C-alpha atoms as a PDB file:
ATOM      1  CA  MET A   1      -0.002   0.003   0.004  1.00  0.00           C
ATOM      2  CA  ARG A   2       1.356   3.348  -0.944  1.00  0.00           C
ATOM      3  CA  LEU A   3       0.472   6.082   1.487  1.00  0.00           C
ATOM      4  CA  PRO A   4       0.636   9.050  -0.897  1.00  0.00           C
ATOM      5  CA  ALA A   5      -1.852   7.375  -3.219  1.00  0.00           C
ATOM      6  CA  ALA A   6      -4.176   6.583  -0.303  1.00  0.00           C
ATOM      7  CA  LEU A   7      -4.186  10.098   1.206  1.00  0.00           C
ATOM      8  CA  PRO A   8      -7.187  11.422  -0.770  1.00  0.00           C
ATOM      9  CA  HIS A   9      -9.297   8.479   0.402  1.00  0.00           C
ATOM     10  CA  LEU A  10      -8.032   8.820   3.958  1.00  0.00           C
ATOM     11  CA  PHE A  11      -8.940  12.500   4.133  1.00  0.00           C
ATOM     12  CA  THR A  12     -12.350  11.860   2.594  1.00  0.00           C
ATOM     13  CA  GLY A  13     -13.048   9.455   5.454  1.00  0.00           C
ATOM     14  CA  LEU A  14     -11.711  11.907   8.008  1.00  0.00           C
ATOM     15  CA  ARG A  15     -13.900  14.710   6.632  1.00  0.00           C
ATOM     16  CA  ILE A  16     -16.927  12.522   7.227  1.00  0.00           C
ATOM     17  CA  ALA A  17     -15.788  11.100  10.577  1.00  0.00           C
ATOM     18  CA  ALA A  18     -14.660  14.295  12.324  1.00  0.00           C
ATOM     19  CA  PRO A  19     -18.088  15.963  12.692  1.00  0.00           C
ATOM     20  CA  GLY A  20     -19.683  12.541  13.107  1.00  0.00           C
ATOM     21  CA  ALA A  21     -17.523  11.896  16.155  1.00  0.00           C
ATOM     22  CA  VAL A  22     -18.897  15.028  17.820  1.00  0.00           C
ATOM     23  CA  ILE A  23     -22.470  13.969  17.028  1.00  0.00           C
ATOM     24  CA  ALA A  24     -21.833  10.456  18.384  1.00  0.00           C
ATOM     25  CA  ALA A  25     -20.337  11.856  21.596  1.00  0.00           C
ATOM     26  CA  LEU A  26     -23.333  14.156  22.113  1.00  0.00           C
ATOM     27  CA  ILE A  27     -25.784  11.298  21.638  1.00  0.00           C
ATOM     28  CA  ALA A  28     -23.817   9.066  24.012  1.00  0.00           C
ATOM     29  CA  GLU A  29     -23.801  11.781  26.661  1.00  0.00           C
ATOM     30  CA  TYR A  30     -27.493  12.435  26.082  1.00  0.00           C
ATOM     31  CA  PHE A  31     -28.347   8.832  26.944  1.00  0.00           C
ATOM     32  CA  GLY A  32     -26.399   8.697  30.188  1.00  0.00           C
ATOM     33  CA  GLY A  33     -22.727   9.093  29.445  1.00  0.00           C
ATOM     34  CA  LEU A  34     -20.540  11.655  31.128  1.00  0.00           C
ATOM     35  CA  GLN A  35     -22.362  14.089  33.337  1.00  0.00           C
ATOM     36  CA  HIS A  36     -20.158  17.045  32.487  1.00  0.00           C
ATOM     37  CA  GLY A  37     -20.315  16.882  28.690  1.00  0.00           C
ATOM     38  CA  LEU A  38     -22.282  18.998  26.252  1.00  0.00           C
ATOM     39  CA  GLY A  39     -24.961  16.345  25.697  1.00  0.00           C
ATOM     40  CA  SER A  40     -25.921  16.117  29.347  1.00  0.00           C
ATOM     41  CA  ARG A  41     -25.791  19.900  29.731  1.00  0.00           C
ATOM     42  CA  ILE A  42     -28.184  20.327  26.808  1.00  0.00           C
ATOM     43  CA  THR A  43     -30.554  17.822  28.417  1.00  0.00           C
ATOM     44  CA  SER A  44     -30.412  19.409  31.869  1.00  0.00           C
ATOM     45  CA  ALA A  45     -30.826  22.954  30.517  1.00  0.00           C
ATOM     46  CA  ALA A  46     -33.838  21.915  28.431  1.00  0.00           C
ATOM     47  CA  ALA A  47     -35.358  20.075  31.406  1.00  0.00           C
ATOM     48  CA  ALA A  48     -34.955  23.211  33.547  1.00  0.00           C
ATOM     49  CA  THR A  49     -36.640  25.281  30.788  1.00  0.00           C
ATOM     50  CA  ALA A  50     -33.439  27.289  30.324  1.00  0.00           C
ATOM     51  CA  TYR A  51     -33.831  27.258  26.563  1.00  0.00           C
ATOM     52  CA  PRO A  52     -31.371  30.049  25.748  1.00  0.00           C
ATOM     53  CA  ARG A  53     -28.670  28.153  27.645  1.00  0.00           C
ATOM     54  CA  ALA A  54     -29.628  24.903  25.908  1.00  0.00           C
ATOM     55  CA  TRP A  55     -29.324  26.593  22.505  1.00  0.00           C
ATOM     56  CA  ALA A  56     -25.976  28.043  23.553  1.00  0.00           C
ATOM     57  CA  TYR A  57     -24.764  24.495  24.253  1.00  0.00           C
ATOM     58  CA  VAL A  58     -26.119  23.339  20.882  1.00  0.00           C
ATOM     59  CA  THR A  59     -24.261  26.203  19.207  1.00  0.00           C
ATOM     60  CA  ALA A  60     -21.068  25.253  21.067  1.00  0.00           C
ATOM     61  CA  ALA A  61     -21.467  21.680  19.810  1.00  0.00           C
ATOM     62  CA  MET A  62     -21.862  22.928  16.245  1.00  0.00           C
ATOM     63  CA  VAL A  63     -18.742  25.064  16.587  1.00  0.00           C
ATOM     64  CA  LEU A  64     -16.839  22.085  17.986  1.00  0.00           C
ATOM     65  CA  GLY A  65     -17.876  19.941  15.014  1.00  0.00           C
ATOM     66  CA  LEU A  66     -16.840  22.683  12.589  1.00  0.00           C
ATOM     67  CA  LEU A  67     -13.530  23.032  14.413  1.00  0.00           C
ATOM     68  CA  PHE A  68     -12.832  19.316  14.010  1.00  0.00           C
ATOM     69  CA  LEU A  69     -13.670  19.607  10.310  1.00  0.00           C
ATOM     70  CA  ALA A  70     -11.435  22.658   9.916  1.00  0.00           C
ATOM     71  CA  VAL A  71      -8.504  20.793  11.487  1.00  0.00           C
ATOM     72  CA  VAL A  72      -8.966  17.910   9.030  1.00  0.00           C
ATOM     73  CA  LEU A  73      -9.170  20.333   6.095  1.00  0.00           C
ATOM     74  CA  LEU A  74      -6.026  22.110   7.273  1.00  0.00           C
ATOM     75  CA  LEU A  75      -4.155  18.817   7.579  1.00  0.00           C
ATOM     76  CA  GLU A  76      -5.334  17.876   4.105  1.00  0.00           C
ATOM     77  CA  GLN A  77      -4.020  21.123   2.668  1.00  0.00           C
ATOM     78  CA  LEU A  78      -0.683  20.670   4.413  1.00  0.00           C
ATOM     79  CA  THR A  79      -0.176  17.150   3.071  1.00  0.00           C
ATOM     80  CA  ARG A  80      -1.401  17.788  -0.461  1.00  0.00           C
ATOM     81  CA  ARG A  81       1.230  17.780  -3.148  1.00  0.00           C
ATOM     82  CA  PRO A  82       1.517  20.928  -5.193  1.00  0.00           C
ATOM     83  CA  ARG A  83      -0.033  20.466  -8.592  1.00  0.00           C
ATOM     84  CA  THR A  84       2.152  20.872 -11.555  1.00  0.00           C
ATOM     85  CA  THR A  85       0.678  22.931 -14.302  1.00  0.00           C
ATOM     86  CA  SER A  86       1.604  22.104 -17.819  1.00  0.00           C
ATOM     87  CA  ARG A  87       1.750  24.965 -20.217  1.00  0.00           C
ATOM     88  CA  ARG A  88       1.334  24.375 -23.854  1.00  0.00           C
ATOM     89  CA  THR A  89       3.717  26.229 -26.018  1.00  0.00           C
ATOM     90  CA  LYS A  90       2.491  27.641 -29.267  1.00  0.00           C
END
């Protein structure tokens, strides 16, 4: 297996998995995981009818997912080979 040839496929998978990991962690916390995570805080804020705080936690989760995606995109840009442009001569 050649790693440079596999990098586009690797980063495609990472682009899908990075925000998905945040969603999976929120769902796990929602159903009784850690008690200090964003998922449980969203649940407790909504149960206490503190809806602005619950939406603030949802917004923080969205920003966290976008941050994970941005890190993957940055790593992809750093590992991408520069394209060679071929110029046709007349």
